[in-house]
N, C-alpha and C. Protein backbone atom coordinates (compact mmCIF):
# COMPACT_ATOMS: atom_id res chain seq x y z
N UNK A 1 0.61 -0.92 -0.11
CA UNK A 1 0.17 -0.46 -0.15
C UNK A 1 0.54 1.55 -0.05
N UNK A 2 2.05 1.52 0.75
CA UNK A 2 2.64 2.53 0.97
C UNK A 2 3.75 2.70 -0.76
N UNK A 3 3.47 1.54 -0.99
CA UNK A 3 4.48 1.77 -2.48
C UNK A 3 3.40 2.47 -3.61
N UNK A 4 1.94 2.11 -3.29
CA UNK A 4 1.58 2.53 -4.84
C UNK A 4 0.98 4.28 -4.08
N UNK A 5 1.19 4.52 -3.06
CA UNK A 5 1.03 5.86 -2.43
C UNK A 5 2.36 6.44 -2.60
N UNK A 6 3.40 5.79 -2.85
CA UNK A 6 4.48 6.97 -3.04
C UNK A 6 5.05 6.93 -4.49
N UNK A 7 4.32 6.00 -5.40
CA UNK A 7 4.26 5.88 -6.39
C UNK A 7 3.38 7.33 -7.05
N UNK A 8 2.16 7.42 -6.55
CA UNK A 8 1.14 8.21 -6.83
C UNK A 8 1.21 9.49 -6.74
N UNK A 9 2.14 9.87 -5.39
CA UNK A 9 3.18 10.67 -5.17
C UNK A 9 3.65 11.30 -6.40
N UNK A 10 4.94 10.24 -6.16
CA UNK A 10 5.96 10.85 -7.46
C UNK A 10 5.29 11.32 -8.65
N UNK A 11 4.14 10.97 -9.09
CA UNK A 11 3.65 10.87 -10.70
C UNK A 11 3.06 12.52 -10.39
N UNK A 12 2.21 12.49 -9.19
CA UNK A 12 1.89 13.76 -9.17
C UNK A 12 2.82 14.65 -8.90
N UNK A 13 3.81 14.63 -8.27
CA UNK A 13 4.58 15.94 -8.54
C UNK A 13 5.35 16.19 -9.76
N UNK A 14 5.46 14.90 -10.57
CA UNK A 14 6.00 15.09 -12.09
C UNK A 14 4.93 15.77 -12.38
N UNK A 15 3.78 15.46 -12.64
CA UNK A 15 3.24 15.86 -13.87
C UNK A 15 2.81 17.64 -13.07
N UNK A 16 2.64 18.02 -11.84
CA UNK A 16 3.14 19.31 -11.62
C UNK A 16 4.04 19.90 -12.05
N UNK A 17 4.99 19.45 -12.06
CA UNK A 17 6.09 20.24 -12.60
C UNK A 17 6.02 20.16 -14.02
N UNK A 18 5.79 18.98 -14.73
CA UNK A 18 5.53 19.79 -16.28
C UNK A 18 4.39 20.30 -16.69
N UNK A 19 3.58 20.70 -15.52
CA UNK A 19 2.25 21.54 -15.80
C UNK A 19 3.07 23.16 -15.52
N UNK A 20 3.46 23.26 -14.88
CA UNK A 20 3.94 24.48 -14.34
C UNK A 20 5.07 25.15 -15.14
N UNK A 21 5.92 23.93 -16.00
CA UNK A 21 6.81 24.30 -16.77
C UNK A 21 5.83 24.54 -18.43
N UNK A 22 5.34 24.33 -18.39
CA UNK A 22 4.88 24.32 -19.89
C UNK A 22 3.53 25.32 -19.81
N UNK A 23 2.77 25.50 -18.82
CA UNK A 23 1.65 26.56 -18.78
C UNK A 23 2.32 28.00 -19.32
N UNK A 24 1.66 28.67 -19.76
CA UNK A 24 1.87 29.90 -20.36
C UNK A 24 0.66 30.26 -19.91
N UNK A 25 0.94 31.82 -19.12
CA UNK A 25 -0.52 32.76 -19.17
C UNK A 25 -0.80 33.50 -20.15
N UNK A 26 -2.01 33.57 -20.37
CA UNK A 26 -2.26 34.70 -21.47
C UNK A 26 -1.63 36.21 -21.03
N UNK A 27 -0.94 36.88 -21.65
CA UNK A 27 -0.57 38.17 -21.25
C UNK A 27 -0.73 39.01 -22.74
N UNK A 28 -1.43 38.80 -23.10
CA UNK A 28 -1.81 39.17 -24.43
C UNK A 28 -2.24 40.79 -24.51
N UNK A 29 -3.23 40.86 -23.48
CA UNK A 29 -3.40 42.44 -23.26
C UNK A 29 -2.48 43.57 -22.58
N UNK A 30 -1.70 42.76 -21.75
CA UNK A 30 -0.43 43.42 -21.28
C UNK A 30 0.80 43.61 -22.30
N UNK A 31 1.19 42.59 -23.12
CA UNK A 31 1.74 42.88 -24.19
C UNK A 31 1.58 43.85 -25.22
N UNK A 32 0.34 44.15 -25.48
CA UNK A 32 -0.29 44.99 -26.30
C UNK A 32 0.04 46.10 -25.79
N UNK A 33 -0.32 46.75 -24.76
CA UNK A 33 0.03 47.52 -24.13
C UNK A 33 1.83 47.75 -24.18
N UNK A 34 2.49 46.75 -23.57
CA UNK A 34 4.06 47.04 -23.79
C UNK A 34 4.52 47.41 -25.33
N UNK A 35 4.02 46.83 -26.02
CA UNK A 35 4.21 46.66 -27.52
C UNK A 35 4.17 48.41 -28.10
N UNK A 36 2.43 48.66 -28.05
CA UNK A 36 2.45 50.03 -27.67
C UNK A 36 3.46 51.17 -27.54
N UNK A 37 3.55 51.00 -26.08
CA UNK A 37 4.89 51.71 -25.83
C UNK A 37 5.93 51.91 -26.09
N UNK A 38 6.45 50.56 -26.62
CA UNK A 38 7.56 50.93 -27.46
C UNK A 38 7.56 51.35 -28.88
N UNK A 39 6.82 51.00 -29.29
CA UNK A 39 6.89 51.81 -30.59
C UNK A 39 7.55 51.25 -31.64
N UNK A 40 8.00 50.11 -31.44
CA UNK A 40 8.75 49.18 -31.91
C UNK A 40 7.88 48.13 -33.00
N UNK A 41 8.69 47.46 -34.03
CA UNK A 41 7.95 46.24 -34.70
C UNK A 41 8.60 45.07 -33.75
N UNK A 42 9.63 44.85 -32.79
CA UNK A 42 9.85 43.94 -32.06
C UNK A 42 8.44 43.53 -30.90
N UNK A 43 8.71 42.51 -31.45
CA UNK A 43 7.52 41.70 -30.36
C UNK A 43 7.90 41.34 -28.66
N UNK A 44 7.06 41.62 -27.97
CA UNK A 44 7.48 41.48 -26.26
C UNK A 44 6.98 40.19 -25.76
N UNK A 45 7.97 39.20 -25.21
CA UNK A 45 8.20 37.96 -24.66
C UNK A 45 9.28 37.78 -24.39
N UNK A 46 9.13 35.95 -24.27
CA UNK A 46 10.52 35.44 -23.69
C UNK A 46 11.24 34.62 -24.82
N UNK A 47 10.48 34.90 -25.95
CA UNK A 47 11.31 33.74 -26.86
C UNK A 47 12.46 34.66 -27.37
N UNK A 48 13.62 33.76 -28.10
CA UNK A 48 14.92 34.31 -28.30
C UNK A 48 14.13 35.44 -29.62
N UNK A 49 14.59 36.89 -29.46
CA UNK A 49 14.74 37.81 -30.01
C UNK A 49 13.27 38.91 -30.00
N UNK A 50 13.02 38.53 -29.17
CA UNK A 50 11.74 39.27 -28.33
C UNK A 50 12.48 40.30 -27.29
N UNK A 51 11.72 41.85 -27.29
CA UNK A 51 12.11 42.24 -26.13
C UNK A 51 11.23 41.78 -24.60
N UNK A 52 12.54 41.53 -23.47
CA UNK A 52 11.81 40.96 -22.51
C UNK A 52 10.67 42.36 -21.89
N UNK A 53 9.64 41.44 -20.58
CA UNK A 53 8.96 42.39 -20.28
C UNK A 53 9.70 43.43 -19.15
N UNK A 54 9.51 44.51 -19.60
CA UNK A 54 10.31 45.42 -18.43
C UNK A 54 9.31 44.84 -16.85
N UNK A 55 10.39 45.67 -15.81
CA UNK A 55 9.74 45.78 -14.74
C UNK A 55 10.73 46.79 -13.88
N UNK A 56 10.01 46.95 -12.98
CA UNK A 56 10.91 47.60 -12.31
C UNK A 56 11.18 47.35 -10.71
N UNK A 57 12.14 47.15 -9.97
CA UNK A 57 12.22 46.47 -8.61
C UNK A 57 12.92 47.57 -7.65
N UNK A 58 12.90 47.10 -6.09
CA UNK A 58 13.89 47.94 -5.43
C UNK A 58 15.32 46.83 -5.69
N UNK A 59 16.38 47.35 -5.37
CA UNK A 59 17.40 46.40 -4.89
C UNK A 59 17.40 46.05 -3.32
N UNK A 60 18.32 45.61 -2.95
CA UNK A 60 18.77 45.19 -1.61
C UNK A 60 19.01 46.32 -1.34
N UNK A 61 19.81 47.28 -1.89
CA UNK A 61 20.41 48.45 -1.53
C UNK A 61 19.51 49.58 -1.16
N UNK A 62 18.41 49.56 -2.04
CA UNK A 62 16.94 50.61 -2.01
C UNK A 62 17.35 51.15 -3.12
N UNK A 63 17.87 51.18 -4.07
CA UNK A 63 17.82 51.36 -5.31
C UNK A 63 16.87 50.86 -6.14
N UNK A 64 16.05 51.50 -7.30
CA UNK A 64 14.96 51.67 -8.11
C UNK A 64 15.73 50.66 -9.65
N UNK A 65 15.33 49.84 -10.16
CA UNK A 65 16.33 49.79 -11.26
C UNK A 65 14.58 49.10 -12.51
N UNK A 66 15.12 49.40 -13.35
CA UNK A 66 14.28 49.00 -14.41
C UNK A 66 15.14 48.36 -15.61
N UNK A 67 14.72 47.16 -15.76
CA UNK A 67 15.25 46.40 -16.99
C UNK A 67 15.72 47.06 -18.13
N UNK A 68 14.72 48.12 -18.79
CA UNK A 68 14.84 48.94 -20.04
C UNK A 68 16.11 49.88 -19.84
N UNK A 69 16.26 50.45 -18.07
CA UNK A 69 17.15 51.08 -18.18
C UNK A 69 18.71 50.94 -18.95
N UNK A 70 18.63 49.45 -18.79
CA UNK A 70 20.34 48.63 -19.10
C UNK A 70 20.06 48.08 -20.84
N UNK A 71 19.37 48.42 -21.42
CA UNK A 71 19.60 48.74 -23.19
C UNK A 71 20.61 49.71 -23.21
N UNK A 72 21.92 48.97 -24.20
CA UNK A 72 22.60 49.32 -24.94
C UNK A 72 24.00 48.77 -23.96
N UNK A 73 23.17 47.67 -22.92
CA UNK A 73 24.41 46.69 -22.61
C UNK A 73 24.01 45.42 -22.41
N UNK A 74 25.01 44.56 -22.84
CA UNK A 74 24.63 43.14 -22.65
C UNK A 74 24.27 42.90 -21.23
N UNK A 75 23.38 42.13 -20.83
CA UNK A 75 22.43 41.70 -19.58
C UNK A 75 22.70 40.50 -18.85
N UNK A 76 23.27 39.63 -18.51
CA UNK A 76 22.74 38.76 -17.56
C UNK A 76 21.39 38.70 -16.49
N UNK A 77 20.32 38.58 -16.89
CA UNK A 77 19.14 38.52 -15.86
C UNK A 77 18.94 37.23 -15.49
N UNK A 78 19.15 37.10 -14.06
CA UNK A 78 18.99 35.89 -13.05
C UNK A 78 18.41 36.11 -12.00
N UNK A 79 17.40 34.70 -12.06
CA UNK A 79 16.15 34.38 -11.19
C UNK A 79 16.93 33.62 -10.02
N UNK A 80 17.09 33.71 -8.66
CA UNK A 80 17.48 33.25 -7.43
C UNK A 80 16.92 33.02 -6.16
N UNK A 81 17.35 31.94 -5.13
CA UNK A 81 17.41 31.98 -3.95
C UNK A 81 18.54 31.87 -3.33
N UNK A 82 18.08 32.44 -1.84
CA UNK A 82 19.41 32.12 -0.89
C UNK A 82 19.27 30.53 -0.91
N UNK A 83 18.54 29.49 -0.72
CA UNK A 83 18.11 28.36 0.06
C UNK A 83 18.25 27.17 -1.44
N UNK A 84 18.39 27.68 -2.32
CA UNK A 84 19.01 26.74 -3.86
C UNK A 84 20.37 26.84 -4.19
N UNK A 85 20.71 25.03 -3.76
CA UNK A 85 21.90 24.61 -3.73
C UNK A 85 22.73 25.35 -5.36
N UNK A 86 22.01 25.44 -6.47
CA UNK A 86 22.59 25.31 -7.36
C UNK A 86 22.81 26.92 -7.64
N UNK A 87 22.17 27.88 -6.87
CA UNK A 87 22.46 29.17 -7.17
C UNK A 87 23.41 29.50 -6.48
N UNK A 88 24.00 29.00 -4.99
CA UNK A 88 24.78 28.98 -4.28
C UNK A 88 25.88 28.77 -5.13
N UNK A 89 26.39 27.66 -5.79
CA UNK A 89 27.52 26.91 -6.86
C UNK A 89 27.53 28.29 -7.92
N UNK A 90 26.56 28.97 -8.26
CA UNK A 90 26.66 30.00 -9.35
C UNK A 90 26.86 30.95 -9.30
N UNK A 91 26.94 31.77 -7.72
CA UNK A 91 27.12 32.76 -7.51
C UNK A 91 28.61 33.27 -7.76
N UNK A 92 29.39 32.71 -7.17
CA UNK A 92 30.88 32.98 -7.24
C UNK A 92 31.38 33.18 -8.60
N UNK A 93 30.97 32.12 -9.38
CA UNK A 93 31.08 32.44 -10.90
C UNK A 93 30.65 34.00 -11.56
N UNK A 94 29.69 33.95 -11.00
CA UNK A 94 29.08 35.07 -11.41
C UNK A 94 29.70 36.64 -10.83
N UNK A 95 29.83 36.33 -9.84
CA UNK A 95 30.70 37.26 -9.09
C UNK A 95 31.92 37.39 -9.79
N UNK A 96 32.31 36.83 -10.11
CA UNK A 96 34.03 37.04 -11.02
C UNK A 96 33.75 37.26 -12.12
N UNK A 97 32.79 37.17 -12.86
CA UNK A 97 32.30 37.47 -13.89
C UNK A 97 32.31 39.09 -14.28
N UNK A 98 31.29 39.03 -13.06
CA UNK A 98 31.03 40.33 -13.21
C UNK A 98 32.37 41.33 -13.16
N UNK A 99 33.18 41.30 -11.83
CA UNK A 99 34.13 41.92 -12.03
C UNK A 99 35.13 41.85 -12.98
N UNK A 100 35.13 41.27 -13.59
CA UNK A 100 36.24 41.38 -14.92
C UNK A 100 35.62 42.10 -16.37
N UNK A 101 34.02 41.80 -16.23
CA UNK A 101 33.13 42.53 -17.06
C UNK A 101 32.53 43.86 -16.96
N UNK A 102 32.99 44.26 -15.69
CA UNK A 102 31.64 45.26 -15.35
C UNK A 102 32.12 46.67 -16.27
N UNK A 103 33.04 46.93 -16.47
CA UNK A 103 33.64 48.13 -17.42
C UNK A 103 33.49 47.77 -18.75
N UNK A 104 32.78 46.95 -19.39
CA UNK A 104 32.81 46.59 -20.75
C UNK A 104 30.93 46.54 -21.24
N UNK A 105 30.50 47.57 -20.59
CA UNK A 105 29.20 47.46 -21.19
C UNK A 105 28.37 46.07 -21.02
N UNK A 106 28.56 45.38 -19.94
CA UNK A 106 28.11 44.15 -19.24
C UNK A 106 27.32 44.00 -18.12
N UNK A 107 26.15 44.05 -17.73
CA UNK A 107 25.58 44.25 -16.36
C UNK A 107 24.80 42.78 -16.01
N UNK A 108 24.66 42.70 -14.54
CA UNK A 108 24.29 41.40 -14.21
C UNK A 108 23.19 41.88 -13.11
N UNK A 109 21.72 41.36 -13.51
CA UNK A 109 20.85 41.92 -12.88
C UNK A 109 20.57 40.59 -11.85
N UNK A 110 20.81 40.32 -11.03
CA UNK A 110 20.48 38.91 -10.18
C UNK A 110 19.02 38.92 -9.33
N UNK A 111 17.93 38.78 -9.92
CA UNK A 111 16.77 39.04 -9.30
C UNK A 111 16.41 38.07 -8.11
N UNK A 112 16.64 38.37 -7.16
CA UNK A 112 15.97 37.54 -6.15
C UNK A 112 14.93 37.58 -5.80
N UNK A 113 14.17 35.80 -5.35
CA UNK A 113 12.76 35.17 -5.99
C UNK A 113 12.18 35.69 -4.42
N UNK A 114 12.53 36.75 -3.63
CA UNK A 114 11.86 37.16 -2.24
C UNK A 114 10.50 36.80 -1.52
N UNK A 115 9.65 36.65 -2.39
CA UNK A 115 8.47 35.72 -1.70
C UNK A 115 9.21 34.67 -1.42
N UNK A 116 9.83 33.55 -1.99
CA UNK A 116 9.58 32.42 -1.67
C UNK A 116 11.23 32.25 -0.71
N UNK A 117 11.99 33.16 -0.63
CA UNK A 117 13.02 32.96 0.22
C UNK A 117 12.89 33.44 1.60
N UNK A 118 13.77 33.57 2.36
CA UNK A 118 13.75 33.25 4.24
C UNK A 118 13.45 34.44 4.58
N UNK A 119 13.53 35.63 4.25
CA UNK A 119 13.45 36.89 4.35
C UNK A 119 14.83 37.75 3.95
N UNK A 120 14.77 39.66 4.14
CA UNK A 120 15.62 40.25 3.70
C UNK A 120 16.64 39.95 4.39
N UNK A 121 17.18 39.91 5.81
CA UNK A 121 18.21 39.27 6.56
C UNK A 121 19.13 38.23 5.80
N UNK A 122 18.31 37.20 5.86
CA UNK A 122 19.10 35.94 5.09
C UNK A 122 19.97 36.31 3.59
N UNK A 123 18.71 36.97 2.83
CA UNK A 123 19.59 37.62 1.79
C UNK A 123 20.64 38.85 1.68
N UNK A 124 20.85 39.56 2.74
CA UNK A 124 21.74 40.28 3.14
C UNK A 124 22.98 39.69 3.35
N UNK A 125 22.82 38.66 4.08
CA UNK A 125 23.57 37.05 4.76
C UNK A 125 24.48 36.59 3.70
N UNK A 126 23.60 35.94 2.53
CA UNK A 126 23.78 35.76 1.40
C UNK A 126 24.90 36.28 0.93
N UNK A 127 24.23 37.73 0.49
CA UNK A 127 24.97 38.56 -0.40
C UNK A 127 26.54 39.44 0.00
N UNK A 128 26.66 39.38 1.61
CA UNK A 128 27.60 39.41 2.50
C UNK A 128 28.64 38.47 2.15
N UNK A 129 28.18 37.02 2.21
CA UNK A 129 28.99 36.08 2.42
C UNK A 129 29.41 35.70 1.53
N UNK A 130 29.02 35.85 -0.16
CA UNK A 130 29.51 35.76 -1.77
C UNK A 130 30.00 36.59 -1.77
N UNK A 131 29.92 38.24 -0.79
CA UNK A 131 31.03 39.32 -1.36
C UNK A 131 30.29 39.90 -2.73
N UNK A 132 29.02 39.79 -3.32
CA UNK A 132 28.30 40.11 -4.13
C UNK A 132 27.98 41.73 -4.14
N UNK A 133 28.74 42.32 -5.61
CA UNK A 133 28.42 43.47 -5.93
C UNK A 133 27.74 44.26 -6.94
N UNK A 134 27.18 43.15 -7.45
CA UNK A 134 26.26 43.58 -8.52
C UNK A 134 24.89 43.44 -8.09
N UNK A 135 24.43 44.04 -8.54
CA UNK A 135 22.61 44.72 -7.71
C UNK A 135 21.60 43.14 -8.13
N UNK A 136 21.01 43.32 -6.56
CA UNK A 136 20.28 42.02 -6.18
C UNK A 136 18.70 42.86 -6.14
N UNK A 137 18.26 42.90 -7.21
CA UNK A 137 16.87 43.42 -6.86
C UNK A 137 15.85 42.46 -6.15
N UNK A 138 15.02 42.75 -5.92
CA UNK A 138 13.94 42.22 -4.99
C UNK A 138 12.60 41.70 -5.32
N UNK A 139 12.23 40.74 -5.70
CA UNK A 139 10.93 40.17 -6.08
C UNK A 139 10.02 40.19 -5.02
N UNK A 140 9.53 41.19 -4.33
CA UNK A 140 8.68 41.02 -3.27
C UNK A 140 7.68 40.45 -3.02
N UNK A 141 7.12 41.02 -4.50
CA UNK A 141 5.49 40.50 -4.63
C UNK A 141 5.54 39.18 -5.32
N UNK A 142 6.79 38.35 -5.59
CA UNK A 142 6.45 37.13 -6.39
C UNK A 142 5.77 37.33 -7.66
N UNK A 143 5.74 38.54 -8.70
CA UNK A 143 5.24 38.37 -9.92
C UNK A 143 6.34 38.89 -11.19
N UNK A 144 7.47 39.10 -11.29
CA UNK A 144 8.75 39.33 -12.12
C UNK A 144 9.40 37.78 -12.14
N UNK A 145 8.94 36.93 -11.03
CA UNK A 145 9.79 35.36 -11.62
C UNK A 145 9.05 34.70 -12.39
N UNK A 146 7.63 34.53 -12.33
CA UNK A 146 6.63 34.09 -12.46
C UNK A 146 6.55 34.48 -14.23
N UNK A 147 6.48 35.62 -14.11
CA UNK A 147 6.29 36.42 -15.82
C UNK A 147 7.43 35.62 -16.47
N UNK A 148 8.68 35.62 -16.04
CA UNK A 148 9.71 35.43 -16.52
C UNK A 148 10.11 33.77 -16.64
N UNK A 149 9.17 32.79 -16.05
CA UNK A 149 8.75 31.63 -16.06
C UNK A 149 9.93 31.11 -15.51
N UNK A 150 10.30 31.63 -14.12
CA UNK A 150 11.57 31.28 -13.59
C UNK A 150 11.17 30.23 -12.16
N UNK A 151 10.75 29.13 -12.67
CA UNK A 151 10.19 27.91 -11.75
C UNK A 151 11.12 27.09 -11.43
N UNK A 152 12.23 26.83 -12.24
CA UNK A 152 13.36 26.13 -11.87
C UNK A 152 14.44 27.24 -11.73
N UNK A 153 15.01 27.28 -10.72
CA UNK A 153 16.34 27.92 -10.53
C UNK A 153 17.40 27.75 -10.02
N UNK A 154 18.30 28.10 -10.48
CA UNK A 154 18.74 29.30 -11.50
C UNK A 154 18.01 29.28 -12.92
N UNK A 155 17.90 30.62 -12.78
CA UNK A 155 17.64 30.53 -14.37
C UNK A 155 17.32 32.02 -14.78
N UNK A 156 18.37 32.12 -16.44
CA UNK A 156 19.12 33.40 -16.53
C UNK A 156 18.53 33.48 -17.99
N UNK A 157 18.31 34.78 -18.34
CA UNK A 157 18.06 35.26 -19.89
C UNK A 157 19.32 36.08 -19.87
N UNK A 158 19.60 35.92 -21.24
CA UNK A 158 20.96 36.42 -22.03
C UNK A 158 20.37 37.72 -22.96
N UNK A 159 20.35 38.95 -22.58
CA UNK A 159 19.74 39.91 -23.24
C UNK A 159 21.16 40.73 -24.26
N UNK A 160 20.44 40.99 -25.56
CA UNK A 160 21.82 41.79 -26.19
C UNK A 160 21.69 43.41 -26.01
N UNK A 161 22.45 44.11 -26.58
CA UNK A 161 23.07 45.17 -26.00
C UNK A 161 21.68 46.01 -26.72
N UNK A 162 20.81 45.37 -27.96
CA UNK A 162 19.94 45.67 -28.43
C UNK A 162 18.81 45.54 -27.51
N UNK A 163 18.85 45.36 -26.38
CA UNK A 163 17.57 44.60 -25.50
C UNK A 163 16.79 43.60 -26.22
N UNK A 164 16.90 42.72 -26.62
CA UNK A 164 16.65 41.46 -26.99
C UNK A 164 17.19 40.07 -26.26
N UNK A 165 16.54 39.43 -26.17
CA UNK A 165 16.64 37.99 -25.69
C UNK A 165 17.05 37.37 -26.54
N UNK A 166 18.27 36.45 -26.14
CA UNK A 166 19.30 35.86 -26.94
C UNK A 166 19.43 34.39 -26.91
N UNK A 167 18.81 34.34 -25.45
CA UNK A 167 19.09 32.97 -24.96
C UNK A 167 18.52 32.89 -23.64
N UNK A 168 18.09 31.81 -22.94
CA UNK A 168 17.07 31.26 -22.11
C UNK A 168 18.16 30.10 -21.31
N UNK A 169 18.86 30.41 -20.27
CA UNK A 169 19.57 29.21 -19.45
C UNK A 169 18.97 28.60 -18.08
N UNK A 170 18.49 27.82 -17.99
CA UNK A 170 17.81 27.10 -16.53
C UNK A 170 19.28 26.15 -16.23
N UNK A 171 19.62 26.46 -15.06
CA UNK A 171 20.52 25.79 -14.30
C UNK A 171 21.57 26.93 -14.11
N UNK A 172 22.56 26.08 -13.23
CA UNK A 172 23.55 27.25 -12.97
C UNK A 172 24.64 27.18 -13.85
N UNK A 173 25.56 28.31 -13.98
CA UNK A 173 26.48 28.71 -15.05
C UNK A 173 27.79 28.85 -14.82
N UNK A 174 28.79 28.20 -15.31
CA UNK A 174 30.21 28.43 -14.38
C UNK A 174 30.68 30.06 -15.53
N UNK A 175 31.46 30.46 -15.26
CA UNK A 175 32.78 31.74 -15.59
C UNK A 175 32.60 31.37 -17.32
N UNK A 176 32.62 30.29 -17.51
CA UNK A 176 33.51 30.38 -18.70
C UNK A 176 31.67 30.05 -19.90
N UNK A 177 30.93 29.49 -19.38
CA UNK A 177 29.75 30.09 -20.21
C UNK A 177 28.94 31.21 -20.36
N UNK A 178 29.24 31.81 -19.12
CA UNK A 178 29.01 33.48 -18.97
C UNK A 178 29.82 34.06 -20.36
N UNK A 179 30.88 34.11 -20.54
CA UNK A 179 31.91 34.42 -21.12
C UNK A 179 31.27 33.80 -22.44
N UNK A 180 31.30 33.19 -22.85
CA UNK A 180 31.16 32.16 -23.96
C UNK A 180 29.38 32.80 -24.66
N UNK A 181 28.76 32.83 -23.77
CA UNK A 181 27.34 33.62 -24.24
C UNK A 181 27.54 35.04 -24.45
N UNK A 182 28.19 36.15 -23.40
CA UNK A 182 28.53 37.34 -23.88
C UNK A 182 28.90 37.38 -25.08
N UNK A 183 30.24 36.78 -25.48
CA UNK A 183 30.74 36.93 -26.77
C UNK A 183 30.16 36.48 -27.82
N UNK A 184 29.06 35.59 -27.54
CA UNK A 184 28.12 35.40 -29.16
C UNK A 184 27.35 36.34 -29.32
N UNK A 185 27.02 37.29 -28.91
CA UNK A 185 25.71 38.55 -28.91
C UNK A 185 26.41 39.71 -29.42
N UNK A 186 25.87 40.74 -29.67
CA UNK A 186 26.20 41.86 -29.96
C UNK A 186 25.92 42.80 -28.85
């Protein structure tokens, strides 16, 4: 009996993960409004070649950041949390990459999924422990992560200097991967 319940639980969990990763909410009205605001023929969305949905968040240091302000720079838009082991593995690579490239029109925005995390104090502790110096926007309301389909973390979007998504990376990256991705885009 226990084996059947365990099998059922595993199947239910697997089905739930598949549904969450496949389901895409209908944001056509919102995308249309953003499309009109951009006065561009490019489409807003998460596919390569699209303009990523804009957002404005407050960083851990209290500064307001808006994704669209980074147009003209190559951007690694990363979604993470302090409790995530692959995120912990990725952060030293991200910091090293940032230190080497911050003066080369390359930016890192590491959006903390704050509504799923252990509170601002643990985020600060994490940032201090890993000596992170790039901006850490806080997704306190839990709206930006889902909008970017960051259901498995870390999830990163590689955005070129024209403000267009070039790639989505699910899972941790090391410094060599970041270097290759940034060198492959304009």
